[in-house]
Amino acid sequence: MLTGATIFVIGSAVLSPATAVSYDCPSESTAVVLNDHDIAIAKREASIAEMRAEIVDAGGSTDDQRKLLESLQGKLAKMKDARAKLIDECAGKAAR
């Protein structure tokens, strides 16, 4: 019998909007982290889009919503920068 946590994990994997890409990196751990970044970036972009839609539907944003949106966008930018470094590392261009 499946536990609630198991069902949640399976459901999350099945319903996940992002799919992992197979990267051909010299280090398998770099490829795994790169996939994790891709999934996290897709989820953050979806969250930001959803929040913007809610703000439009509400007719404007509050200070709290603006601060949260700015925070999410900042975290997304950092995640994209980290992903770019991982891409360079995967391609063998990382600074040594």
Protein backbone atom coordinates (compact mmCIF):
# COMPACT_ATOMS: atom_id res chain seq x y z
CA MET A 1 0.00 0.00 0.00
CA LEU A 2 1.30 3.46 -0.88
CA THR A 3 1.74 6.05 1.84
CA GLY A 4 0.58 9.62 1.44
CA ALA A 5 4.17 10.84 1.04
CA THR A 6 4.86 8.32 -1.70
CA ILE A 7 1.73 9.33 -3.57
CA PHE A 8 2.75 12.99 -3.25
CA VAL A 9 6.23 12.32 -4.64
CA ILE A 10 4.88 10.27 -7.54
CA GLY A 11 2.20 12.86 -8.29
CA SER A 12 4.71 15.69 -8.17
CA ALA A 13 6.99 13.91 -10.60
CA VAL A 14 4.16 13.11 -12.99
CA LEU A 15 2.66 16.59 -12.88
CA SER A 16 5.97 18.45 -13.01
CA PRO A 17 5.87 20.93 -15.90
CA ALA A 18 9.61 20.66 -16.49
CA THR A 19 11.34 17.64 -17.83
CA ALA A 20 14.97 16.86 -17.26
CA VAL A 21 17.39 17.21 -20.13
CA SER A 22 20.24 14.79 -20.59
CA TYR A 23 23.47 16.79 -20.43
CA ASP A 24 26.72 15.25 -21.64
CA CYS A 25 29.05 16.60 -18.95
CA PRO A 26 32.39 15.11 -17.93
CA SER A 27 31.08 15.02 -14.36
CA GLU A 28 27.78 13.26 -13.77
CA SER A 29 27.19 15.35 -10.65
CA THR A 30 27.38 18.54 -12.74
CA ALA A 31 24.77 17.14 -15.12
CA VAL A 32 22.49 16.30 -12.18
CA VAL A 33 22.85 19.78 -10.68
CA LEU A 34 22.23 21.31 -14.10
CA ASN A 35 19.00 19.33 -14.45
CA ASP A 36 17.96 20.45 -10.96
CA HIS A 37 18.60 24.07 -11.93
CA ASP A 38 16.56 23.70 -15.13
CA ILE A 39 13.60 22.34 -13.18
CA ALA A 40 13.88 25.01 -10.47
CA ILE A 41 14.12 27.79 -13.06
CA ALA A 42 11.02 26.53 -14.87
CA LYS A 43 9.08 26.37 -11.61
CA ARG A 44 10.19 29.87 -10.57
CA GLU A 45 9.27 31.31 -13.95
CA ALA A 46 5.83 29.67 -13.66
CA SER A 47 5.39 31.09 -10.15
CA ILE A 48 6.31 34.58 -11.31
CA ALA A 49 3.93 34.36 -14.27
CA GLU A 50 1.14 33.14 -12.00
CA MET A 51 1.76 35.94 -9.53
CA ARG A 52 1.74 38.55 -12.30
CA ALA A 53 -1.56 37.17 -13.58
CA GLU A 54 -3.04 37.37 -10.08
CA ILE A 55 -1.87 40.98 -9.79
CA VAL A 56 -3.49 41.85 -13.13
CA ASP A 57 -6.72 40.11 -12.08
CA ALA A 58 -6.72 42.03 -8.80
CA GLY A 59 -6.24 45.33 -10.62
CA GLY A 60 -2.87 46.15 -9.10
CA SER A 61 -0.34 45.03 -6.57
CA THR A 62 0.30 45.70 -2.92
CA ASP A 63 3.69 46.56 -1.47
CA ASP A 64 4.00 43.01 -0.14
CA GLN A 65 3.27 41.55 -3.56
CA ARG A 66 5.81 43.86 -5.20
CA LYS A 67 8.47 42.92 -2.65
CA LEU A 68 7.77 39.22 -3.10
CA LEU A 69 7.84 39.53 -6.88
CA GLU A 70 11.16 41.39 -6.75
CA SER A 71 12.56 38.73 -4.42
CA LEU A 72 11.45 35.92 -6.73
CA GLN A 73 12.91 37.69 -9.75
CA GLY A 74 16.21 38.22 -7.89
CA LYS A 75 16.38 34.55 -6.95
CA LEU A 76 15.56 33.58 -10.53
CA ALA A 77 18.38 35.78 -11.84
CA LYS A 78 20.84 34.18 -9.40
CA MET A 79 19.66 30.72 -10.42
CA LYS A 80 20.15 31.58 -14.11
CA ASP A 81 23.65 32.91 -13.39
CA ALA A 82 24.51 29.71 -11.52
CA ARG A 83 23.12 27.67 -14.41
CA ALA A 84 25.28 29.59 -16.90
CA LYS A 85 28.37 28.76 -14.81
CA LEU A 86 27.34 25.11 -14.75
CA ILE A 87 26.91 25.13 -18.54
CA ASP A 88 30.45 26.50 -18.86
CA GLU A 89 31.71 23.85 -16.45
CA CYS A 90 29.92 21.16 -18.42
CA ALA A 91 31.49 22.43 -21.65
CA GLY A 92 34.94 22.52 -20.04
CA LYS A 93 35.14 26.33 -20.05
CA ALA A 94 35.12 26.82 -16.26
CA ALA A 95 37.89 28.92 -14.76
CA ARG A 96 40.56 26.77 -13.21
